[in-house]
Amino acid sequence: MNKTQVGQHEKWVLYLAALGCPTLRIQVSDSESASLLFTRYRDYYGIGASDMMPGCGEVCNSSGRVVGHISYNGRAWDECGELMHEAV
């Protein structure tokens, strides 16, 4: 996730999973949409950080490599820990 937007040839997938909630894998086009979808999932289901399953918030490229993650507060981070998008 070293770019805020995905190139046309690559797709990112956001992984969402929490206790008592559906597990989702959603294609995203940029770090902003990943952040927004994560916070909507968190708020809709009313989950706390301790409810999140391992890997929840990870963003993977088309080969399955983790390229970033969304933290509980909705911030998007790249694989090097650099902030990509501030939560809204």
N, C-alpha and C. Protein backbone atom coordinates (compact mmCIF):
# COMPACT_ATOMS: atom_id res chain seq x y z
N MET A 1 0.84 -1.18 0.00
CA MET A 1 0.00 0.00 0.00
C MET A 1 0.89 1.24 0.00
N ASN A 2 1.92 1.22 -0.81
CA ASN A 2 2.84 2.35 -0.85
C ASN A 2 2.30 3.50 -1.66
N LYS A 3 1.12 3.36 -2.21
CA LYS A 3 0.44 4.45 -2.90
C LYS A 3 -0.94 4.56 -2.28
N THR A 4 -1.52 5.76 -2.32
CA THR A 4 -2.86 5.90 -1.76
C THR A 4 -3.91 5.35 -2.70
N GLN A 5 -3.55 5.17 -3.97
CA GLN A 5 -4.50 4.62 -4.93
C GLN A 5 -3.83 3.47 -5.67
N VAL A 6 -4.61 2.46 -5.96
CA VAL A 6 -4.11 1.26 -6.63
C VAL A 6 -3.95 1.53 -8.12
N GLY A 7 -2.89 0.99 -8.71
CA GLY A 7 -2.75 1.05 -10.15
C GLY A 7 -3.81 0.20 -10.82
N GLN A 8 -4.08 0.44 -12.07
CA GLN A 8 -5.15 -0.27 -12.76
C GLN A 8 -4.90 -1.78 -12.83
N HIS A 9 -3.67 -2.21 -12.81
CA HIS A 9 -3.36 -3.63 -12.93
C HIS A 9 -3.45 -4.37 -11.60
N GLU A 10 -3.51 -3.67 -10.48
CA GLU A 10 -3.51 -4.31 -9.17
C GLU A 10 -4.82 -4.06 -8.45
N LYS A 11 -5.23 -5.04 -7.67
CA LYS A 11 -6.42 -4.91 -6.85
C LYS A 11 -6.05 -5.17 -5.41
N TRP A 12 -6.63 -4.42 -4.51
CA TRP A 12 -6.45 -4.64 -3.09
C TRP A 12 -7.71 -5.25 -2.53
N VAL A 13 -7.55 -6.06 -1.48
CA VAL A 13 -8.69 -6.66 -0.80
C VAL A 13 -8.55 -6.35 0.69
N LEU A 14 -9.62 -5.81 1.25
CA LEU A 14 -9.69 -5.50 2.68
C LEU A 14 -10.36 -6.67 3.38
N TYR A 15 -9.74 -7.18 4.44
CA TYR A 15 -10.27 -8.29 5.21
C TYR A 15 -10.91 -7.76 6.49
N LEU A 16 -12.17 -8.13 6.71
CA LEU A 16 -12.91 -7.70 7.90
C LEU A 16 -13.47 -8.92 8.60
N ALA A 17 -13.19 -9.05 9.89
CA ALA A 17 -13.70 -10.19 10.67
C ALA A 17 -13.69 -9.83 12.15
N ALA A 18 -14.81 -10.12 12.82
CA ALA A 18 -14.92 -9.86 14.25
C ALA A 18 -15.87 -10.89 14.85
N LEU A 19 -15.75 -11.12 16.14
CA LEU A 19 -16.61 -12.08 16.84
C LEU A 19 -18.07 -11.70 16.65
N GLY A 20 -18.88 -12.66 16.21
CA GLY A 20 -20.30 -12.45 16.05
C GLY A 20 -20.70 -11.63 14.83
N CYS A 21 -19.75 -11.36 13.95
CA CYS A 21 -20.02 -10.54 12.76
C CYS A 21 -19.63 -11.33 11.51
N PRO A 22 -20.20 -10.98 10.36
CA PRO A 22 -19.80 -11.69 9.14
C PRO A 22 -18.35 -11.38 8.77
N THR A 23 -17.70 -12.36 8.19
CA THR A 23 -16.34 -12.17 7.66
C THR A 23 -16.48 -11.71 6.22
N LEU A 24 -15.80 -10.61 5.90
CA LEU A 24 -15.90 -10.02 4.57
C LEU A 24 -14.51 -9.83 3.97
N ARG A 25 -14.46 -9.98 2.66
CA ARG A 25 -13.28 -9.62 1.87
C ARG A 25 -13.79 -8.71 0.77
N ILE A 26 -13.38 -7.44 0.84
CA ILE A 26 -13.94 -6.42 -0.04
C ILE A 26 -12.84 -5.81 -0.89
N GLN A 27 -13.07 -5.77 -2.20
CA GLN A 27 -12.11 -5.13 -3.09
C GLN A 27 -12.17 -3.61 -2.88
N VAL A 28 -11.00 -3.00 -2.73
CA VAL A 28 -10.92 -1.55 -2.53
C VAL A 28 -9.96 -0.95 -3.55
N SER A 29 -10.18 0.32 -3.86
CA SER A 29 -9.36 0.98 -4.87
C SER A 29 -8.30 1.91 -4.28
N ASP A 30 -8.45 2.25 -3.00
CA ASP A 30 -7.48 3.15 -2.38
C ASP A 30 -7.57 3.06 -0.86
N SER A 31 -6.62 3.71 -0.19
CA SER A 31 -6.57 3.65 1.27
C SER A 31 -7.75 4.37 1.91
N GLU A 32 -8.25 5.40 1.26
CA GLU A 32 -9.40 6.13 1.81
C GLU A 32 -10.64 5.24 1.84
N SER A 33 -10.91 4.51 0.77
CA SER A 33 -12.09 3.65 0.76
C SER A 33 -11.92 2.48 1.73
N ALA A 34 -10.71 1.96 1.87
CA ALA A 34 -10.46 0.90 2.85
C ALA A 34 -10.74 1.40 4.26
N SER A 35 -10.29 2.60 4.57
CA SER A 35 -10.53 3.20 5.87
C SER A 35 -12.02 3.40 6.12
N LEU A 36 -12.72 3.93 5.14
CA LEU A 36 -14.15 4.18 5.27
C LEU A 36 -14.93 2.87 5.48
N LEU A 37 -14.63 1.85 4.70
CA LEU A 37 -15.32 0.57 4.85
C LEU A 37 -15.03 -0.07 6.20
N PHE A 38 -13.79 0.02 6.65
CA PHE A 38 -13.45 -0.53 7.96
C PHE A 38 -14.25 0.16 9.05
N THR A 39 -14.29 1.49 9.05
CA THR A 39 -15.00 2.21 10.12
C THR A 39 -16.50 1.97 10.06
N ARG A 40 -17.05 1.82 8.86
CA ARG A 40 -18.49 1.50 8.74
C ARG A 40 -18.77 0.11 9.33
N TYR A 41 -17.92 -0.84 9.03
CA TYR A 41 -18.06 -2.20 9.58
C TYR A 41 -17.98 -2.14 11.10
N ARG A 42 -16.98 -1.48 11.63
CA ARG A 42 -16.78 -1.36 13.08
C ARG A 42 -17.99 -0.72 13.74
N ASP A 43 -18.45 0.40 13.18
CA ASP A 43 -19.56 1.14 13.79
C ASP A 43 -20.90 0.42 13.63
N TYR A 44 -21.14 -0.17 12.48
CA TYR A 44 -22.42 -0.85 12.22
C TYR A 44 -22.62 -2.01 13.19
N TYR A 45 -21.57 -2.80 13.40
CA TYR A 45 -21.67 -3.96 14.28
C TYR A 45 -21.31 -3.63 15.73
N GLY A 46 -20.88 -2.42 16.00
CA GLY A 46 -20.57 -2.00 17.36
C GLY A 46 -19.45 -2.81 17.99
N ILE A 47 -18.44 -3.14 17.21
CA ILE A 47 -17.36 -3.98 17.73
C ILE A 47 -16.28 -3.15 18.41
N GLY A 48 -15.69 -3.76 19.40
CA GLY A 48 -14.54 -3.17 20.06
C GLY A 48 -13.26 -3.80 19.52
N ALA A 49 -12.15 -3.22 19.85
CA ALA A 49 -10.87 -3.73 19.35
C ALA A 49 -10.64 -5.18 19.77
N SER A 50 -11.09 -5.55 20.96
CA SER A 50 -10.89 -6.92 21.43
C SER A 50 -11.78 -7.93 20.70
N ASP A 51 -12.81 -7.45 19.98
CA ASP A 51 -13.70 -8.34 19.21
C ASP A 51 -13.11 -8.71 17.86
N MET A 52 -12.14 -7.95 17.39
CA MET A 52 -11.58 -8.15 16.06
C MET A 52 -10.77 -9.44 16.00
N MET A 53 -10.98 -10.19 14.93
CA MET A 53 -10.24 -11.43 14.71
C MET A 53 -8.84 -11.10 14.17
N PRO A 54 -7.88 -12.01 14.35
CA PRO A 54 -6.55 -11.78 13.79
C PRO A 54 -6.64 -11.49 12.28
N GLY A 55 -5.95 -10.48 11.84
CA GLY A 55 -5.94 -10.11 10.43
C GLY A 55 -7.01 -9.11 10.03
N CYS A 56 -7.95 -8.83 10.92
CA CYS A 56 -9.00 -7.86 10.60
C CYS A 56 -8.36 -6.51 10.29
N GLY A 57 -8.73 -5.94 9.16
CA GLY A 57 -8.18 -4.66 8.75
C GLY A 57 -6.98 -4.77 7.82
N GLU A 58 -6.52 -5.99 7.56
CA GLU A 58 -5.39 -6.14 6.64
C GLU A 58 -5.83 -5.85 5.21
N VAL A 59 -4.93 -5.26 4.46
CA VAL A 59 -5.15 -4.98 3.05
C VAL A 59 -4.10 -5.78 2.27
N CYS A 60 -4.58 -6.63 1.37
CA CYS A 60 -3.68 -7.50 0.61
C CYS A 60 -3.73 -7.16 -0.88
N ASN A 61 -2.62 -7.40 -1.56
CA ASN A 61 -2.60 -7.20 -3.01
C ASN A 61 -3.14 -8.45 -3.69
N SER A 62 -3.12 -8.46 -5.02
CA SER A 62 -3.71 -9.56 -5.79
C SER A 62 -3.01 -10.89 -5.57
N SER A 63 -1.77 -10.87 -5.10
CA SER A 63 -1.06 -12.13 -4.83
C SER A 63 -1.22 -12.57 -3.37
N GLY A 64 -1.98 -11.82 -2.59
CA GLY A 64 -2.25 -12.19 -1.20
C GLY A 64 -1.27 -11.63 -0.18
N ARG A 65 -0.30 -10.85 -0.65
CA ARG A 65 0.68 -10.25 0.27
C ARG A 65 0.06 -9.05 0.99
N VAL A 66 0.26 -8.99 2.30
CA VAL A 66 -0.25 -7.86 3.07
C VAL A 66 0.55 -6.61 2.69
N VAL A 67 -0.16 -5.58 2.23
CA VAL A 67 0.50 -4.35 1.80
C VAL A 67 0.14 -3.18 2.71
N GLY A 68 -0.70 -3.42 3.69
CA GLY A 68 -1.06 -2.37 4.63
C GLY A 68 -2.14 -2.87 5.58
N HIS A 69 -2.54 -1.99 6.48
CA HIS A 69 -3.63 -2.35 7.38
C HIS A 69 -4.36 -1.10 7.85
N ILE A 70 -5.57 -1.33 8.30
CA ILE A 70 -6.38 -0.26 8.86
C ILE A 70 -6.45 -0.51 10.36
N SER A 71 -6.04 0.45 11.15
CA SER A 71 -6.08 0.29 12.60
C SER A 71 -7.49 0.55 13.12
N TYR A 72 -7.75 0.17 14.36
CA TYR A 72 -9.09 0.26 14.93
C TYR A 72 -9.69 1.66 14.80
N ASN A 73 -8.85 2.67 14.88
CA ASN A 73 -9.34 4.05 14.79
C ASN A 73 -9.61 4.50 13.34
N GLY A 74 -9.35 3.62 12.38
CA GLY A 74 -9.63 3.92 10.98
C GLY A 74 -8.47 4.46 10.17
N ARG A 75 -7.33 4.63 10.79
CA ARG A 75 -6.16 5.10 10.04
C ARG A 75 -5.62 3.99 9.15
N ALA A 76 -5.18 4.39 7.95
CA ALA A 76 -4.61 3.43 7.00
C ALA A 76 -3.08 3.56 7.04
N TRP A 77 -2.42 2.42 7.20
CA TRP A 77 -0.96 2.35 7.29
C TRP A 77 -0.42 1.46 6.19
N ASP A 78 0.73 1.83 5.63
CA ASP A 78 1.34 0.96 4.62
C ASP A 78 2.15 -0.12 5.31
N GLU A 79 2.77 -1.00 4.51
CA GLU A 79 3.51 -2.13 5.06
C GLU A 79 4.74 -1.72 5.87
N CYS A 80 5.18 -0.48 5.71
CA CYS A 80 6.33 0.02 6.47
C CYS A 80 5.91 0.79 7.72
N GLY A 81 4.62 0.87 7.97
CA GLY A 81 4.12 1.58 9.15
C GLY A 81 3.94 3.07 8.93
N GLU A 82 4.00 3.51 7.67
CA GLU A 82 3.80 4.92 7.36
C GLU A 82 2.31 5.20 7.19
N LEU A 83 1.86 6.32 7.76
CA LEU A 83 0.46 6.70 7.65
C LEU A 83 0.11 7.05 6.21
N MET A 84 -0.93 6.40 5.69
CA MET A 84 -1.38 6.65 4.33
C MET A 84 -2.63 7.52 4.30
N HIS A 85 -3.50 7.33 5.29
CA HIS A 85 -4.75 8.07 5.32
C HIS A 85 -5.20 8.25 6.76
N GLU A 86 -5.51 9.46 7.10
CA GLU A 86 -6.03 9.77 8.44
C GLU A 86 -7.51 9.43 8.48
N ALA A 87 -7.98 8.88 9.57
CA ALA A 87 -9.40 8.55 9.71
C ALA A 87 -10.23 9.82 9.68
N VAL A 88 -11.41 9.70 9.09
CA VAL A 88 -12.30 10.87 8.99
C VAL A 88 -13.24 10.90 10.16
